[in-house]
Amino acid sequence: MLDDIDRRLLRQYQHAPDLGPAELALRAGLAPATCARRLERLRSTGIIRANRAVIDWRALGYAVEVSLRIALDKTQPRAFDEFISAARNVPEVIEIQTFLGRVDLRLSIIARDMAHYQGLYRSAILTLPHIADIEALMHVARIKSDEALPL
C-alpha cells in the first residue's frame, strides 16, 4: 500500500508535523504539489488520523500517574460497555485499554498529588460499575514514550 516515497514523507511528517508544506516537501525530497497530494491521500485513507497537541500534564501540576489493572464481573453481559462508558467520564483517566486474559482493562490516571489520587480512587474509580478486582501500579519513570513508527 505504501511506497518508498510515502514512507519517506511519513518519516519526516511524524517527527515534525508542524512543518509548513514547502518545508515538509523539501525535507522529504518532493515537489510541494506532490507532497500535498500524497498527504491528502494518506489522510483520506486513514493512515494519517490526526494532528494533535501533546500537552505535558506534569507542567500543569499533575505529578502522579497510576495504572490500574481491572478485572470485571463478567457474569454481567454489559459489564465492559457500562464500565468503559463510566470510566470515560472521569477526566483524570487519560487512557483506557482492554485486554484478553486475567486483566480485562487498564486505566491510566493522573493526579496532582497522592491526596488527590486517593480522593479520585475513592470517589470516582471504586464507584465504577462491575469491578471484580483492581490492582494499582504507581508509575516511577517513563523510559520510552514514542509514537513514531519505524518507517
Protein backbone atom coordinates (compact mmCIF):
# COMPACT_ATOMS: atom_id res chain seq x y z
CA MET A 1 0.00 0.00 0.00
CA LEU A 2 2.80 2.46 0.86
CA ASP A 3 5.69 3.06 -1.47
CA ASP A 4 9.14 4.38 -0.59
CA ILE A 5 8.06 7.98 -1.22
CA ASP A 6 5.12 7.63 1.19
CA ARG A 7 7.42 6.13 3.83
CA ARG A 8 9.95 8.95 3.39
CA LEU A 9 7.17 11.52 3.67
CA LEU A 10 5.71 9.86 6.77
CA ARG A 11 9.14 9.65 8.43
CA GLN A 12 9.54 13.40 8.08
CA TYR A 13 5.93 14.16 8.95
CA GLN A 14 5.78 12.11 12.16
CA HIS A 15 8.87 13.83 13.54
CA ALA A 16 7.75 17.35 12.60
CA PRO A 17 4.01 17.53 11.84
CA ASP A 18 4.03 21.29 12.40
CA LEU A 19 6.22 21.98 9.36
CA GLY A 20 4.71 24.02 6.58
CA PRO A 21 4.00 22.20 3.32
CA ALA A 22 7.01 23.70 1.49
CA GLU A 23 9.48 22.75 4.25
CA LEU A 24 7.99 19.25 4.57
CA ALA A 25 8.26 18.76 0.79
CA LEU A 26 11.88 19.93 0.86
CA ARG A 27 12.82 17.56 3.71
CA ALA A 28 11.06 14.65 2.02
CA GLY A 29 12.69 15.44 -1.33
CA LEU A 30 9.37 16.08 -3.08
CA ALA A 31 7.77 18.83 -5.11
CA PRO A 32 5.29 20.78 -2.94
CA ALA A 33 2.31 19.74 -5.10
CA THR A 34 3.30 16.06 -4.92
CA CYS A 35 3.77 16.35 -1.17
CA ALA A 36 0.33 17.93 -0.75
CA ARG A 37 -1.37 15.26 -2.91
CA ARG A 38 0.31 12.41 -1.04
CA LEU A 39 -0.51 13.89 2.37
CA GLU A 40 -4.15 14.25 1.35
CA ARG A 41 -4.22 10.62 0.15
CA LEU A 42 -2.63 9.45 3.43
CA ARG A 43 -5.31 11.38 5.35
CA SER A 44 -8.23 10.18 3.21
CA THR A 45 -7.16 6.53 3.54
CA GLY A 46 -6.87 6.91 7.32
CA ILE A 47 -3.12 6.34 7.55
CA ILE A 48 -2.71 9.85 8.98
CA ARG A 49 -5.51 10.01 11.52
CA ALA A 50 -4.97 13.40 13.13
CA ASN A 51 -2.70 16.23 14.09
CA ARG A 52 -2.91 17.00 17.78
CA ALA A 53 -1.35 18.98 20.55
CA VAL A 54 0.61 16.90 23.05
CA ILE A 55 0.36 18.66 26.39
CA ASP A 56 2.78 17.92 29.22
CA TRP A 57 0.36 17.22 32.06
CA ARG A 58 3.21 17.47 34.57
CA ALA A 59 3.70 21.11 33.56
CA LEU A 60 0.05 21.64 34.52
CA GLY A 61 0.62 20.37 38.04
CA TYR A 62 -0.15 16.66 37.71
CA ALA A 63 2.70 14.85 39.46
CA VAL A 64 1.25 11.35 39.94
CA GLU A 65 0.43 8.70 37.34
CA VAL A 66 -1.10 5.38 38.28
CA SER A 67 -2.01 2.38 36.15
CA LEU A 68 -4.96 0.40 37.37
CA ARG A 69 -5.38 -3.19 36.24
CA ILE A 70 -9.02 -4.11 36.48
CA ALA A 71 -10.87 -7.40 36.24
CA LEU A 72 -14.59 -7.09 35.66
CA ASP A 73 -17.50 -9.20 36.85
CA LYS A 74 -18.05 -10.96 33.55
CA THR A 75 -21.29 -12.57 34.73
CA GLN A 76 -22.89 -9.24 33.78
CA PRO A 77 -23.49 -9.14 29.99
CA ARG A 78 -22.96 -5.38 29.69
CA ALA A 79 -20.06 -5.13 32.14
CA PHE A 80 -17.49 -3.92 29.60
CA ASP A 81 -19.76 -1.39 27.92
CA GLU A 82 -21.05 0.06 31.17
CA PHE A 83 -17.61 0.21 32.78
CA ILE A 84 -15.98 1.88 29.77
CA SER A 85 -18.81 4.36 29.41
CA ALA A 86 -18.49 5.39 33.07
CA ALA A 87 -14.65 5.46 33.02
CA ARG A 88 -14.68 7.83 30.02
CA ASN A 89 -16.47 10.37 32.21
CA VAL A 90 -13.61 10.59 34.72
CA PRO A 91 -11.44 13.48 33.41
CA GLU A 92 -8.29 12.19 35.12
CA VAL A 93 -8.50 8.88 33.22
CA ILE A 94 -6.23 9.62 30.28
CA GLU A 95 -6.15 6.16 28.73
CA ILE A 96 -8.32 3.04 28.70
CA GLN A 97 -7.05 -0.24 27.25
CA THR A 98 -8.80 -3.60 27.06
CA PHE A 99 -7.08 -7.00 27.23
CA LEU A 100 -7.76 -10.69 26.92
CA GLY A 101 -6.71 -12.68 29.96
CA ARG A 102 -6.87 -12.29 33.72
CA VAL A 103 -6.83 -8.49 33.47
CA ASP A 104 -9.70 -7.05 31.44
CA LEU A 105 -8.79 -3.38 31.37
CA ARG A 106 -6.05 -0.94 32.25
CA LEU A 107 -6.71 2.67 33.15
CA SER A 108 -4.03 5.36 33.22
CA ILE A 109 -4.88 8.02 35.76
CA ILE A 110 -3.18 11.32 36.53
CA ALA A 111 -3.49 13.26 39.77
CA ARG A 112 -1.95 16.39 41.24
CA ASP A 113 -0.57 14.51 44.26
CA MET A 114 -1.25 11.40 46.36
CA ALA A 115 -4.08 13.08 48.28
CA HIS A 116 -5.79 13.95 45.00
CA TYR A 117 -5.26 10.39 43.75
CA GLN A 118 -6.69 8.93 46.95
CA GLY A 119 -9.79 11.09 46.57
CA LEU A 120 -10.19 10.09 42.91
CA TYR A 121 -9.72 6.44 43.77
CA ARG A 122 -12.41 6.50 46.43
CA SER A 123 -14.96 8.78 44.74
CA ALA A 124 -14.52 8.09 41.02
CA ILE A 125 -12.73 4.77 40.50
CA LEU A 126 -14.21 2.49 43.14
CA THR A 127 -17.68 3.66 42.12
CA LEU A 128 -17.22 2.45 38.53
CA PRO A 129 -19.57 -0.45 37.74
CA HIS A 130 -18.78 -4.17 37.65
CA ILE A 131 -15.28 -4.14 39.19
CA ALA A 132 -14.37 -7.61 40.47
CA ASP A 133 -10.69 -6.92 41.21
CA ILE A 134 -8.37 -3.94 40.97
CA GLU A 135 -4.60 -3.55 41.25
CA ALA A 136 -2.80 -0.21 41.34
CA LEU A 137 0.67 0.25 39.88
CA MET A 138 2.39 3.54 40.70
CA HIS A 139 4.44 4.90 37.80
CA VAL A 140 8.01 5.69 38.78
CA ALA A 141 9.55 6.67 35.44
CA ARG A 142 8.62 6.73 31.77
CA ILE A 143 11.58 5.19 29.99
CA LYS A 144 10.22 5.36 26.45
CA SER A 145 7.13 7.05 25.11
CA ASP A 146 7.40 7.34 21.37
CA GLU A 147 4.59 7.10 18.87
CA ALA A 148 6.96 7.31 15.91
CA LEU A 149 6.81 4.22 13.72
CA PRO A 150 9.87 2.55 12.18
CA LEU A 151 9.13 3.53 8.58
